[in-house]
Amino acid sequence: MNNLNQELSTEFSDYQVAIKPRPDGKLLLTLHRGGELVVNRAIEREAMQSKACLHSAIRELVRDIKLEAGEVTCQGDTSQWLYRELPTFTGAPICQTVAKTLVRRRKLELCGAR
């Protein structure tokens, strides 16, 4: 966890970085600036073991901070911030059967609403 603290402290040098373990095994990351809470995020502990995952999480945090500050637009060079992989809860690919039944249920709901 020391490497994680060092990496986050280096990347977010303008912020006070705090990482605390949560009861569910995740890590709670909080960023403060000037005594004001900027980000409060739960991060998977396993995801922080890899450099690539850590840099991806840092990029998401930077993007979220920029979004809230109004610094990200959908045009020009900054559109790169809008790319993000879709999350899965288990890390496994989406089951086709579940996807098909979800579509069928939504179609039935739409037909019933008419």
PDB file of N, CA and C in Angstrom:
ATOM      1  N   MET A   1       0.828  -1.192   0.000  1.00  0.00           N
ATOM      2  CA  MET A   1       0.000   0.000   0.000  1.00  0.00           C
ATOM      3  C   MET A   1       0.870   1.252   0.000  1.00  0.00           C
ATOM      4  N   ASN A   2       2.135   1.128   0.406  1.00  0.00           N
ATOM      5  CA  ASN A   2       3.033   2.272   0.386  1.00  0.00           C
ATOM      6  C   ASN A   2       3.280   2.756  -1.031  1.00  0.00           C
ATOM      7  N   ASN A   3       3.431   1.812  -1.990  1.00  0.00           N
ATOM      8  CA  ASN A   3       3.605   2.208  -3.385  1.00  0.00           C
ATOM      9  C   ASN A   3       2.384   2.961  -3.891  1.00  0.00           C
ATOM     10  N   LEU A   4       1.203   2.504  -3.496  1.00  0.00           N
ATOM     11  CA  LEU A   4      -0.036   3.170  -3.878  1.00  0.00           C
ATOM     12  C   LEU A   4      -0.072   4.584  -3.309  1.00  0.00           C
ATOM     13  N   ASN A   5       0.279   4.728  -2.042  1.00  0.00           N
ATOM     14  CA  ASN A   5       0.312   6.063  -1.426  1.00  0.00           C
ATOM     15  C   ASN A   5       1.294   6.974  -2.136  1.00  0.00           C
ATOM     16  N   GLN A   6       2.480   6.458  -2.453  1.00  0.00           N
ATOM     17  CA  GLN A   6       3.499   7.264  -3.125  1.00  0.00           C
ATOM     18  C   GLN A   6       3.042   7.687  -4.515  1.00  0.00           C
ATOM     19  N   GLU A   7       2.470   6.756  -5.248  1.00  0.00           N
ATOM     20  CA  GLU A   7       2.015   7.040  -6.612  1.00  0.00           C
ATOM     21  C   GLU A   7       0.906   8.087  -6.603  1.00  0.00           C
ATOM     22  N   LEU A   8      -0.065   7.920  -5.714  1.00  0.00           N
ATOM     23  CA  LEU A   8      -1.176   8.878  -5.642  1.00  0.00           C
ATOM     24  C   LEU A   8      -0.716  10.233  -5.122  1.00  0.00           C
ATOM     25  N   SER A   9       0.172  10.244  -4.148  1.00  0.00           N
ATOM     26  CA  SER A   9       0.684  11.502  -3.622  1.00  0.00           C
ATOM     27  C   SER A   9       1.483  12.261  -4.674  1.00  0.00           C
ATOM     28  N   THR A  10       2.211  11.525  -5.501  1.00  0.00           N
ATOM     29  CA  THR A  10       2.971  12.156  -6.584  1.00  0.00           C
ATOM     30  C   THR A  10       2.028  12.723  -7.639  1.00  0.00           C
ATOM     31  N   GLU A  11       1.034  11.937  -8.030  1.00  0.00           N
ATOM     32  CA  GLU A  11       0.103  12.361  -9.077  1.00  0.00           C
ATOM     33  C   GLU A  11      -0.790  13.514  -8.619  1.00  0.00           C
ATOM     34  N   PHE A  12      -1.228  13.459  -7.367  1.00  0.00           N
ATOM     35  CA  PHE A  12      -2.125  14.487  -6.829  1.00  0.00           C
ATOM     36  C   PHE A  12      -1.379  15.297  -5.771  1.00  0.00           C
ATOM     37  N   SER A  13      -0.297  15.938  -6.182  1.00  0.00           N
ATOM     38  CA  SER A  13       0.538  16.689  -5.236  1.00  0.00           C
ATOM     39  C   SER A  13      -0.173  17.914  -4.659  1.00  0.00           C
ATOM     40  N   ASP A  14      -1.201  18.417  -5.338  1.00  0.00           N
ATOM     41  CA  ASP A  14      -1.959  19.579  -4.850  1.00  0.00           C
ATOM     42  C   ASP A  14      -3.018  19.192  -3.815  1.00  0.00           C
ATOM     43  N   TYR A  15      -3.198  17.909  -3.585  1.00  0.00           N
ATOM     44  CA  TYR A  15      -4.257  17.409  -2.710  1.00  0.00           C
ATOM     45  C   TYR A  15      -3.664  16.685  -1.502  1.00  0.00           C
ATOM     46  N   GLN A  16      -4.472  16.594  -0.439  1.00  0.00           N
ATOM     47  CA  GLN A  16      -4.134  15.729   0.679  1.00  0.00           C
ATOM     48  C   GLN A  16      -4.785  14.381   0.372  1.00  0.00           C
ATOM     49  N   VAL A  17      -3.965  13.344   0.271  1.00  0.00           N
ATOM     50  CA  VAL A  17      -4.435  12.009  -0.111  1.00  0.00           C
ATOM     51  C   VAL A  17      -4.528  11.148   1.134  1.00  0.00           C
ATOM     52  N   ALA A  18      -5.683  10.490   1.299  1.00  0.00           N
ATOM     53  CA  ALA A  18      -5.866   9.551   2.412  1.00  0.00           C
ATOM     54  C   ALA A  18      -6.451   8.253   1.861  1.00  0.00           C
ATOM     55  N   ILE A  19      -5.873   7.131   2.270  1.00  0.00           N
ATOM     56  CA  ILE A  19      -6.361   5.814   1.859  1.00  0.00           C
ATOM     57  C   ILE A  19      -6.616   5.007   3.120  1.00  0.00           C
ATOM     58  N   LYS A  20      -7.843   4.513   3.234  1.00  0.00           N
ATOM     59  CA  LYS A  20      -8.217   3.708   4.400  1.00  0.00           C
ATOM     60  C   LYS A  20      -8.878   2.423   3.932  1.00  0.00           C
ATOM     61  N   PRO A  21      -8.649   1.312   4.624  1.00  0.00           N
ATOM     62  CA  PRO A  21      -9.332   0.070   4.269  1.00  0.00           C
ATOM     63  C   PRO A  21     -10.806   0.126   4.670  1.00  0.00           C
ATOM     64  N   ARG A  22     -11.642  -0.480   3.842  1.00  0.00           N
ATOM     65  CA  ARG A  22     -13.071  -0.574   4.139  1.00  0.00           C
ATOM     66  C   ARG A  22     -13.397  -1.981   4.617  1.00  0.00           C
ATOM     67  N   PRO A  23     -14.517  -2.166   5.309  1.00  0.00           N
ATOM     68  CA  PRO A  23     -14.882  -3.506   5.799  1.00  0.00           C
ATOM     69  C   PRO A  23     -15.094  -4.531   4.683  1.00  0.00           C
ATOM     70  N   ASP A  24     -15.474  -4.075   3.476  1.00  0.00           N
ATOM     71  CA  ASP A  24     -15.719  -5.016   2.385  1.00  0.00           C
ATOM     72  C   ASP A  24     -14.448  -5.396   1.626  1.00  0.00           C
ATOM     73  N   GLY A  25     -13.282  -4.946   2.088  1.00  0.00           N
ATOM     74  CA  GLY A  25     -12.018  -5.302   1.466  1.00  0.00           C
ATOM     75  C   GLY A  25     -11.506  -4.277   0.463  1.00  0.00           C
ATOM     76  N   LYS A  26     -12.330  -3.323   0.096  1.00  0.00           N
ATOM     77  CA  LYS A  26     -11.891  -2.282  -0.828  1.00  0.00           C
ATOM     78  C   LYS A  26     -11.123  -1.212  -0.064  1.00  0.00           C
ATOM     79  N   LEU A  27     -10.566  -0.261  -0.799  1.00  0.00           N
ATOM     80  CA  LEU A  27      -9.868   0.870  -0.198  1.00  0.00           C
ATOM     81  C   LEU A  27     -10.694   2.125  -0.422  1.00  0.00           C
ATOM     82  N   LEU A  28     -10.768   2.978   0.584  1.00  0.00           N
ATOM     83  CA  LEU A  28     -11.475   4.247   0.458  1.00  0.00           C
ATOM     84  C   LEU A  28     -10.438   5.337   0.232  1.00  0.00           C
ATOM     85  N   LEU A  29     -10.491   5.953  -0.943  1.00  0.00           N
ATOM     86  CA  LEU A  29      -9.567   7.014  -1.310  1.00  0.00           C
ATOM     87  C   LEU A  29     -10.280   8.354  -1.179  1.00  0.00           C
ATOM     88  N   THR A  30      -9.694   9.270  -0.429  1.00  0.00           N
ATOM     89  CA  THR A  30     -10.248  10.613  -0.318  1.00  0.00           C
ATOM     90  C   THR A  30      -9.173  11.620  -0.696  1.00  0.00           C
ATOM     91  N   LEU A  31      -9.583  12.605  -1.472  1.00  0.00           N
ATOM     92  CA  LEU A  31      -8.709  13.710  -1.844  1.00  0.00           C
ATOM     93  C   LEU A  31      -9.311  14.992  -1.309  1.00  0.00           C
ATOM     94  N   HIS A  32      -8.513  15.748  -0.561  1.00  0.00           N
ATOM     95  CA  HIS A  32      -8.935  17.041  -0.022  1.00  0.00           C
ATOM     96  C   HIS A  32      -8.033  18.125  -0.599  1.00  0.00           C
ATOM     97  N   ARG A  33      -8.603  19.281  -0.815  1.00  0.00           N
ATOM     98  CA  ARG A  33      -7.813  20.445  -1.240  1.00  0.00           C
ATOM     99  C   ARG A  33      -8.332  21.638  -0.446  1.00  0.00           C
ATOM    100  N   GLY A  34      -7.428  22.241   0.288  1.00  0.00           N
ATOM    101  CA  GLY A  34      -7.815  23.400   1.086  1.00  0.00           C
ATOM    102  C   GLY A  34      -8.873  23.081   2.128  1.00  0.00           C
ATOM    103  N   GLY A  35      -8.831  21.874   2.677  1.00  0.00           N
ATOM    104  CA  GLY A  35      -9.798  21.476   3.699  1.00  0.00           C
ATOM    105  C   GLY A  35     -11.141  21.052   3.139  1.00  0.00           C
ATOM    106  N   GLU A  36     -11.303  21.102   1.817  1.00  0.00           N
ATOM    107  CA  GLU A  36     -12.571  20.738   1.188  1.00  0.00           C
ATOM    108  C   GLU A  36     -12.447  19.380   0.507  1.00  0.00           C
ATOM    109  N   LEU A  37     -13.448  18.522   0.699  1.00  0.00           N
ATOM    110  CA  LEU A  37     -13.460  17.196   0.081  1.00  0.00           C
ATOM    111  C   LEU A  37     -13.666  17.339  -1.419  1.00  0.00           C
ATOM    112  N   VAL A  38     -12.763  16.764  -2.204  1.00  0.00           N
ATOM    113  CA  VAL A  38     -12.855  16.823  -3.661  1.00  0.00           C
ATOM    114  C   VAL A  38     -13.337  15.484  -4.221  1.00  0.00           C
ATOM    115  N   VAL A  39     -12.741  14.383  -3.753  1.00  0.00           N
ATOM    116  CA  VAL A  39     -13.088  13.050  -4.239  1.00  0.00           C
ATOM    117  C   VAL A  39     -13.145  12.089  -3.068  1.00  0.00           C
ATOM    118  N   ASN A  40     -14.165  11.251  -3.074  1.00  0.00           N
ATOM    119  CA  ASN A  40     -14.314  10.183  -2.102  1.00  0.00           C
ATOM    120  C   ASN A  40     -14.683   8.943  -2.908  1.00  0.00           C
ATOM    121  N   ARG A  41     -13.761   7.981  -3.079  1.00  0.00           N
ATOM    122  CA  ARG A  41     -13.964   6.892  -4.014  1.00  0.00           C
ATOM    123  C   ARG A  41     -13.538   5.567  -3.417  1.00  0.00           C
ATOM    124  N   ALA A  42     -14.331   4.525  -3.637  1.00  0.00           N
ATOM    125  CA  ALA A  42     -13.961   3.161  -3.252  1.00  0.00           C
ATOM    126  C   ALA A  42     -13.204   2.528  -4.411  1.00  0.00           C
ATOM    127  N   ILE A  43     -12.057   1.920  -4.110  1.00  0.00           N
ATOM    128  CA  ILE A  43     -11.199   1.320  -5.128  1.00  0.00           C
ATOM    129  C   ILE A  43     -10.960  -0.129  -4.748  1.00  0.00           C
ATOM    130  N   GLU A  44     -11.031  -1.010  -5.744  1.00  0.00           N
ATOM    131  CA  GLU A  44     -10.743  -2.422  -5.524  1.00  0.00           C
ATOM    132  C   GLU A  44      -9.284  -2.592  -5.118  1.00  0.00           C
ATOM    133  N   ARG A  45      -9.042  -3.324  -4.064  1.00  0.00           N
ATOM    134  CA  ARG A  45      -7.676  -3.551  -3.593  1.00  0.00           C
ATOM    135  C   ARG A  45      -6.862  -4.335  -4.626  1.00  0.00           C
ATOM    136  N   GLU A  46      -7.475  -5.335  -5.259  1.00  0.00           N
ATOM    137  CA  GLU A  46      -6.772  -6.147  -6.244  1.00  0.00           C
ATOM    138  C   GLU A  46      -6.397  -5.336  -7.477  1.00  0.00           C
ATOM    139  N   ALA A  47      -7.214  -4.369  -7.835  1.00  0.00           N
ATOM    140  CA  ALA A  47      -6.941  -3.557  -9.019  1.00  0.00           C
ATOM    141  C   ALA A  47      -5.714  -2.684  -8.833  1.00  0.00           C
ATOM    142  N   MET A  48      -5.350  -2.417  -7.605  1.00  0.00           N
ATOM    143  CA  MET A  48      -4.210  -1.550  -7.345  1.00  0.00           C
ATOM    144  C   MET A  48      -2.878  -2.293  -7.336  1.00  0.00           C
ATOM    145  N   GLN A  49      -2.909  -3.608  -7.584  1.00  0.00           N
ATOM    146  CA  GLN A  49      -1.679  -4.394  -7.606  1.00  0.00           C
ATOM    147  C   GLN A  49      -0.913  -4.210  -8.911  1.00  0.00           C
ATOM    148  N   SER A  50      -1.604  -3.850  -9.977  1.00  0.00           N
ATOM    149  CA  SER A  50      -0.995  -3.709 -11.295  1.00  0.00           C
ATOM    150  C   SER A  50      -0.769  -2.237 -11.620  1.00  0.00           C
ATOM    151  N   LYS A  51       0.367  -1.932 -12.232  1.00  0.00           N
ATOM    152  CA  LYS A  51       0.675  -0.548 -12.627  1.00  0.00           C
ATOM    153  C   LYS A  51      -0.346  -0.026 -13.629  1.00  0.00           C
ATOM    154  N   ALA A  52      -0.750  -0.883 -14.582  1.00  0.00           N
ATOM    155  CA  ALA A  52      -1.710  -0.461 -15.605  1.00  0.00           C
ATOM    156  C   ALA A  52      -3.052  -0.111 -14.972  1.00  0.00           C
ATOM    157  N   CYS A  53      -3.518  -0.932 -14.030  1.00  0.00           N
ATOM    158  CA  CYS A  53      -4.789  -0.664 -13.356  1.00  0.00           C
ATOM    159  C   CYS A  53      -4.693   0.595 -12.501  1.00  0.00           C
ATOM    160  N   LEU A  54      -3.569   0.793 -11.861  1.00  0.00           N
ATOM    161  CA  LEU A  54      -3.373   1.972 -11.037  1.00  0.00           C
ATOM    162  C   LEU A  54      -3.414   3.238 -11.890  1.00  0.00           C
ATOM    163  N   HIS A  55      -2.736   3.213 -13.025  1.00  0.00           N
ATOM    164  CA  HIS A  55      -2.744   4.379 -13.905  1.00  0.00           C
ATOM    165  C   HIS A  55      -4.126   4.625 -14.496  1.00  0.00           C
ATOM    166  N   SER A  56      -4.874   3.556 -14.754  1.00  0.00           N
ATOM    167  CA  SER A  56      -6.243   3.699 -15.239  1.00  0.00           C
ATOM    168  C   SER A  56      -7.121   4.359 -14.176  1.00  0.00           C
ATOM    169  N   ALA A  57      -6.964   3.938 -12.921  1.00  0.00           N
ATOM    170  CA  ALA A  57      -7.740   4.533 -11.821  1.00  0.00           C
ATOM    171  C   ALA A  57      -7.361   5.999 -11.624  1.00  0.00           C
ATOM    172  N   ILE A  58      -6.081   6.311 -11.729  1.00  0.00           N
ATOM    173  CA  ILE A  58      -5.636   7.706 -11.593  1.00  0.00           C
ATOM    174  C   ILE A  58      -6.221   8.547 -12.718  1.00  0.00           C
ATOM    175  N   ARG A  59      -6.221   8.012 -13.933  1.00  0.00           N
ATOM    176  CA  ARG A  59      -6.775   8.745 -15.077  1.00  0.00           C
ATOM    177  C   ARG A  59      -8.261   9.014 -14.875  1.00  0.00           C
ATOM    178  N   GLU A  60      -8.995   8.032 -14.344  1.00  0.00           N
ATOM    179  CA  GLU A  60     -10.421   8.233 -14.068  1.00  0.00           C
ATOM    180  C   GLU A  60     -10.629   9.320 -13.018  1.00  0.00           C
ATOM    181  N   LEU A  61      -9.797   9.324 -11.984  1.00  0.00           N
ATOM    182  CA  LEU A  61      -9.911  10.352 -10.948  1.00  0.00           C
ATOM    183  C   LEU A  61      -9.640  11.741 -11.514  1.00  0.00           C
ATOM    184  N   VAL A  62      -8.601  11.855 -12.335  1.00  0.00           N
ATOM    185  CA  VAL A  62      -8.279  13.141 -12.952  1.00  0.00           C
ATOM    186  C   VAL A  62      -9.440  13.593 -13.834  1.00  0.00           C
ATOM    187  N   ARG A  63     -10.001  12.660 -14.611  1.00  0.00           N
ATOM    188  CA  ARG A  63     -11.143  12.987 -15.469  1.00  0.00           C
ATOM    189  C   ARG A  63     -12.342  13.448 -14.655  1.00  0.00           C
ATOM    190  N   ASP A  64     -12.646  12.736 -13.573  1.00  0.00           N
ATOM    191  CA  ASP A  64     -13.786  13.116 -12.742  1.00  0.00           C
ATOM    192  C   ASP A  64     -13.596  14.481 -12.108  1.00  0.00           C
ATOM    193  N   ILE A  65     -12.382  14.776 -11.675  1.00  0.00           N
ATOM    194  CA  ILE A  65     -12.097  16.092 -11.094  1.00  0.00           C
ATOM    195  C   ILE A  65     -12.271  17.173 -12.156  1.00  0.00           C
ATOM    196  N   LYS A  66     -11.780  16.902 -13.373  1.00  0.00           N
ATOM    197  CA  LYS A  66     -11.920  17.869 -14.461  1.00  0.00           C
ATOM    198  C   LYS A  66     -13.379  18.040 -14.871  1.00  0.00           C
ATOM    199  N   LEU A  67     -14.147  16.955 -14.876  1.00  0.00           N
ATOM    200  CA  LEU A  67     -15.570  17.050 -15.213  1.00  0.00           C
ATOM    201  C   LEU A  67     -16.313  17.944 -14.224  1.00  0.00           C
ATOM    202  N   GLU A  68     -16.041  17.741 -12.956  1.00  0.00           N
ATOM    203  CA  GLU A  68     -16.712  18.543 -11.949  1.00  0.00           C
ATOM    204  C   GLU A  68     -16.317  20.012 -12.003  1.00  0.00           C
ATOM    205  N   ALA A  69     -15.066  20.255 -12.396  1.00  0.00           N
ATOM    206  CA  ALA A  69     -14.592  21.633 -12.501  1.00  0.00           C
ATOM    207  C   ALA A  69     -15.020  22.280 -13.814  1.00  0.00           C
ATOM    208  N   GLY A  70     -15.617  21.517 -14.732  1.00  0.00           N
ATOM    209  CA  GLY A  70     -16.051  22.053 -16.008  1.00  0.00           C
ATOM    210  C   GLY A  70     -14.917  22.230 -17.001  1.00  0.00           C
ATOM    211  N   GLU A  71     -13.828  21.510 -16.826  1.00  0.00           N
ATOM    212  CA  GLU A  71     -12.660  21.656 -17.699  1.00  0.00           C
ATOM    213  C   GLU A  71     -12.661  20.692 -18.874  1.00  0.00           C
ATOM    214  N   VAL A  72     -13.619  19.764 -18.936  1.00  0.00           N
ATOM    215  CA  VAL A  72     -13.656  18.778 -20.006  1.00  0.00           C
ATOM    216  C   VAL A  72     -14.825  19.093 -20.919  1.00  0.00           C
ATOM    217  N   THR A  73     -14.547  19.120 -22.211  1.00  0.00           N
ATOM    218  CA  THR A  73     -15.602  19.324 -23.199  1.00  0.00           C
ATOM    219  C   THR A  73     -15.644  18.113 -24.122  1.00  0.00           C
ATOM    220  N   CYS A  74     -16.653  18.036 -24.948  1.00  0.00           N
ATOM    221  CA  CYS A  74     -16.807  16.901 -25.858  1.00  0.00           C
ATOM    222  C   CYS A  74     -16.199  17.176 -27.221  1.00  0.00           C
ATOM    223  N   GLN A  75     -15.569  18.310 -27.412  1.00  0.00           N
ATOM    224  CA  GLN A  75     -15.020  18.655 -28.719  1.00  0.00           C
ATOM    225  C   GLN A  75     -13.518  18.846 -28.615  1.00  0.00           C
ATOM    226  N   GLY A  76     -12.856  18.668 -29.729  1.00  0.00           N
ATOM    227  CA  GLY A  76     -11.429  18.950 -29.790  1.00  0.00           C
ATOM    228  C   GLY A  76     -10.573  17.880 -29.149  1.00  0.00           C
ATOM    229  N   ASP A  77      -9.402  18.293 -28.704  1.00  0.00           N
ATOM    230  CA  ASP A  77      -8.409  17.357 -28.175  1.00  0.00           C
ATOM    231  C   ASP A  77      -8.826  16.709 -26.870  1.00  0.00           C
ATOM    232  N   THR A  78      -9.711  17.345 -26.108  1.00  0.00           N
ATOM    233  CA  THR A  78     -10.059  16.799 -24.796  1.00  0.00           C
ATOM    234  C   THR A  78     -11.093  15.686 -24.864  1.00  0.00           C
ATOM    235  N   SER A  79     -11.585  15.341 -26.069  1.00  0.00           N
ATOM    236  CA  SER A  79     -12.569  14.265 -26.175  1.00  0.00           C
ATOM    237  C   SER A  79     -11.978  12.926 -25.754  1.00  0.00           C
ATOM    238  N   GLN A  80     -10.653  12.838 -25.659  1.00  0.00           N
ATOM    239  CA  GLN A  80     -10.018  11.609 -25.201  1.00  0.00           C
ATOM    240  C   GLN A  80     -10.429  11.248 -23.783  1.00  0.00           C
ATOM    241  N   TRP A  81     -10.867  12.201 -23.005  1.00  0.00           N
ATOM    242  CA  TRP A  81     -11.269  11.927 -21.625  1.00  0.00           C
ATOM    243  C   TRP A  81     -12.570  11.140 -21.559  1.00  0.00           C
ATOM    244  N   LEU A  82     -13.318  11.106 -22.640  1.00  0.00           N
ATOM    245  CA  LEU A  82     -14.615  10.468 -22.603  1.00  0.00           C
ATOM    246  C   LEU A  82     -14.546   8.955 -22.788  1.00  0.00           C
ATOM    247  N   TYR A  83     -13.385   8.413 -23.167  1.00  0.00           N
ATOM    248  CA  TYR A  83     -13.244   6.970 -23.339  1.00  0.00           C
ATOM    249  C   TYR A  83     -13.120   6.287 -21.987  1.00  0.00           C
ATOM    250  N   ARG A  84     -13.879   5.220 -21.808  1.00  0.00           N
ATOM    251  CA  ARG A  84     -13.785   4.431 -20.583  1.00  0.00           C
ATOM    252  C   ARG A  84     -14.369   3.063 -20.845  1.00  0.00           C
ATOM    253  N   GLU A  85     -13.729   2.037 -20.348  1.00  0.00           N
ATOM    254  CA  GLU A  85     -14.271   0.695 -20.493  1.00  0.00           C
ATOM    255  C   GLU A  85     -15.485   0.545 -19.594  1.00  0.00           C
ATOM    256  N   LEU A  86     -16.443  -0.256 -20.043  1.00  0.00           N
ATOM    257  CA  LEU A  86     -17.626  -0.495 -19.233  1.00  0.00           C
ATOM    258  C   LEU A  86     -17.269  -1.393 -18.058  1.00  0.00           C
ATOM    259  N   PRO A  87     -17.740  -1.046 -16.858  1.00  0.00           N
ATOM    260  CA  PRO A  87     -17.407  -1.869 -15.693  1.00  0.00           C
ATOM    261  C   PRO A  87     -18.254  -3.140 -15.647  1.00  0.00           C
ATOM    262  N   THR A  88     -17.693  -4.186 -15.101  1.00  0.00           N
ATOM    263  CA  THR A  88     -18.457  -5.385 -14.773  1.00  0.00           C
ATOM    264  C   THR A  88     -18.239  -5.648 -13.294  1.00  0.00           C
ATOM    265  N   PHE A  89     -19.212  -6.209 -12.640  1.00  0.00           N
ATOM    266  CA  PHE A  89     -19.123  -6.398 -11.208  1.00  0.00           C
ATOM    267  C   PHE A  89     -18.220  -7.559 -10.825  1.00  0.00           C
ATOM    268  N   THR A  90     -18.160  -8.572 -11.665  1.00  0.00           N
ATOM    269  CA  THR A  90     -17.346  -9.734 -11.336  1.00  0.00           C
ATOM    270  C   THR A  90     -16.060  -9.775 -12.138  1.00  0.00           C
ATOM    271  N   GLY A  91     -15.949  -8.924 -13.138  1.00  0.00           N
ATOM    272  CA  GLY A  91     -14.795  -8.960 -14.003  1.00  0.00           C
ATOM    273  C   GLY A  91     -14.960  -9.963 -15.128  1.00  0.00           C
ATOM    274  N   ALA A  92     -16.049 -10.716 -15.115  1.00  0.00           N
ATOM    275  CA  ALA A  92     -16.318 -11.713 -16.146  1.00  0.00           C
ATOM    276  C   ALA A  92     -17.094 -11.064 -17.291  1.00  0.00           C
ATOM    277  N   PRO A  93     -17.041 -11.639 -18.483  1.00  0.00           N
ATOM    278  CA  PRO A  93     -17.825 -11.084 -19.587  1.00  0.00           C
ATOM    279  C   PRO A  93     -19.327 -11.234 -19.318  1.00  0.00           C
ATOM    280  N   ILE A  94     -20.098 -10.407 -19.974  1.00  0.00           N
ATOM    281  CA  ILE A  94     -21.556 -10.432 -19.802  1.00  0.00           C
ATOM    282  C   ILE A  94     -22.104 -11.714 -20.405  1.00  0.00           C
ATOM    283  N   CYS A  95     -22.972 -12.374 -19.681  1.00  0.00           N
ATOM    284  CA  CYS A  95     -23.596 -13.619 -20.126  1.00  0.00           C
ATOM    285  C   CYS A  95     -24.649 -13.301 -21.192  1.00  0.00           C
ATOM    286  N   GLN A  96     -24.576 -13.973 -22.339  1.00  0.00           N
ATOM    287  CA  GLN A  96     -25.512 -13.712 -23.428  1.00  0.00           C
ATOM    288  C   GLN A  96     -26.955 -14.003 -23.023  1.00  0.00           C
ATOM    289  N   THR A  97     -27.172 -15.040 -22.248  1.00  0.00           N
ATOM    290  CA  THR A  97     -28.530 -15.386 -21.842  1.00  0.00           C
ATOM    291  C   THR A  97     -29.146 -14.272 -21.017  1.00  0.00           C
ATOM    292  N   VAL A  98     -28.395 -13.713 -20.096  1.00  0.00           N
ATOM    293  CA  VAL A  98     -28.894 -12.628 -19.272  1.00  0.00           C
ATOM    294  C   VAL A  98     -29.198 -11.422 -20.142  1.00  0.00           C
ATOM    295  N   ALA A  99     -28.319 -11.119 -21.085  1.00  0.00           N
ATOM    296  CA  ALA A  99     -28.537  -9.975 -21.970  1.00  0.00           C
ATOM    297  C   ALA A  99     -29.802 -10.170 -22.801  1.00  0.00           C
ATOM    298  N   LYS A 100     -30.025 -11.372 -23.317  1.00  0.00           N
ATOM    299  CA  LYS A 100     -31.207 -11.640 -24.132  1.00  0.00           C
ATOM    300  C   LYS A 100     -32.488 -11.510 -23.313  1.00  0.00           C
ATOM    301  N   THR A 101     -32.504 -12.041 -22.088  1.00  0.00           N
ATOM    302  CA  THR A 101     -33.713 -11.933 -21.280  1.00  0.00           C
ATOM    303  C   THR A 101     -33.961 -10.496 -20.857  1.00  0.00           C
ATOM    304  N   LEU A 102     -32.912  -9.724 -20.663  1.00  0.00           N
ATOM    305  CA  LEU A 102     -33.078  -8.321 -20.317  1.00  0.00           C
ATOM    306  C   LEU A 102     -33.749  -7.568 -21.463  1.00  0.00           C
ATOM    307  N   VAL A 103     -33.303  -7.827 -22.679  1.00  0.00           N
ATOM    308  CA  VAL A 103     -33.914  -7.180 -23.842  1.00  0.00           C
ATOM    309  C   VAL A 103     -35.373  -7.598 -23.972  1.00  0.00           C
ATOM    310  N   ARG A 104     -35.653  -8.880 -23.787  1.00  0.00           N
ATOM    311  CA  ARG A 104     -37.027  -9.363 -23.892  1.00  0.00           C
ATOM    312  C   ARG A 104     -37.917  -8.710 -22.832  1.00  0.00           C
ATOM    313  N   ARG A 105     -37.415  -8.599 -21.588  1.00  0.00           N
ATOM    314  CA  ARG A 105     -38.198  -7.967 -20.525  1.00  0.00           C
ATOM    315  C   ARG A 105     -38.482  -6.502 -20.833  1.00  0.00           C
ATOM    316  N   ARG A 106     -37.493  -5.799 -21.354  1.00  0.00           N
ATOM    317  CA  ARG A 106     -37.695  -4.383 -21.687  1.00  0.00           C
ATOM    318  C   ARG A 106     -38.714  -4.214 -22.812  1.00  0.00           C
ATOM    319  N   LYS A 107     -38.672  -5.120 -23.796  1.00  0.00           N
ATOM    320  CA  LYS A 107     -39.656  -5.051 -24.875  1.00  0.00           C
ATOM    321  C   LYS A 107     -41.054  -5.296 -24.341  1.00  0.00           C
ATOM    322  N   LEU A 108     -41.200  -6.254 -23.434  1.00  0.00           N
ATOM    323  CA  LEU A 108     -42.512  -6.533 -22.836  1.00  0.00           C
ATOM    324  C   LEU A 108     -43.014  -5.355 -22.011  1.00  0.00           C
ATOM    325  N   GLU A 109     -42.113  -4.710 -21.289  1.00  0.00           N
ATOM    326  CA  GLU A 109     -42.493  -3.531 -20.500  1.00  0.00           C
ATOM    327  C   GLU A 109     -42.961  -2.407 -21.402  1.00  0.00           C
ATOM    328  N   LEU A 110     -42.272  -2.224 -22.528  1.00  0.00           N
ATOM    329  CA  LEU A 110     -42.673  -1.182 -23.471  1.00  0.00           C
ATOM    330  C   LEU A 110     -44.034  -1.478 -24.087  1.00  0.00           C
ATOM    331  N   CYS A 111     -44.272  -2.740 -24.442  1.00  0.00           N
ATOM    332  CA  CYS A 111     -45.567  -3.128 -25.010  1.00  0.00           C
ATOM    333  C   CYS A 111     -46.671  -2.964 -23.974  1.00  0.00           C
ATOM    334  N   GLY A 112     -46.400  -3.268 -22.733  1.00  0.00           N
ATOM    335  CA  GLY A 112     -47.393  -3.136 -21.672  1.00  0.00           C
ATOM    336  C   GLY A 112     -47.712  -1.682 -21.344  1.00  0.00           C
ATOM    337  N   ALA A 113     -46.770  -0.786 -21.596  1.00  0.00           N
ATOM    338  CA  ALA A 113     -46.975   0.638 -21.292  1.00  0.00           C
ATOM    339  C   ALA A 113     -47.842   1.311 -22.332  1.00  0.00           C
ATOM    340  N   ARG A 114     -47.990   0.690 -23.492  1.00  0.00           N
ATOM    341  CA  ARG A 114     -48.775   1.310 -24.576  1.00  0.00           C
ATOM    342  C   ARG A 114     -50.202   1.125 -24.376  1.00  0.00           C
TER     343      ARG A 114
END
